[in-house]
Amino acid sequence: MRCPYCFIDDDKVVDSRSIDDGSVTRRRRECLGCGRRFTTFERVDDVRLTVLKRSGAREPFDRSKVIRGIEAAVKNRRVDVKVVHDLVNELEESLRNSGDECTSSEIGVAVLDALHRLDEVAYLRFASVYKGFERWSDFEEEASLLTGRSLDKSTEIKEPKDRE
């Protein structure tokens, strides 16, 4: 592993622990060049998850895109970064368990569902981008659905409008 401080490729593992129910290994390392310590995380990447886009294109699942979208939605909200990463871990695991391919809509709906449980303001922010809100009435309609959904958990999340 290359040291992030001096870029020497020589280190020793000082501590190793399993996290996230054993799916990730956290390693504390010490650079043998400069003596500074740093942390690495190892995750098994055995199943390639492919995302089928609305355009018909296929691309590899990129968890950083999901994290960026959720972080934008929870910006200035009282949501811990660890909660966001845990949410994405759960979402990715769920997608992988259902097969090696998913649609971008499945990802978006899963994020909306998770944000609905986490923070309703973040939910509305994400929904406004994901569903392509263009008018104030779009926000009003979604807020009324959100209020109804809070009372009745059986209401299903709507798919976004097709954009041209």
Foldseek 3Di string as FASTA:
>chain_A
DADPPPRDPAKDWPDWDAPPVRQKIKTWIAHPPPRDIDIDIDGDDPAFAWEQEPVRDIDTDDLVVVLVLLCVLCVPHPDDSVNSVVLSVVLVVVRVVVHRYYYPQVSLQSSLVVCLVVPVSSSLVSCCVQQVDDDPVVSVVVVVVSVVCVVPVVDGDDTHDDDD
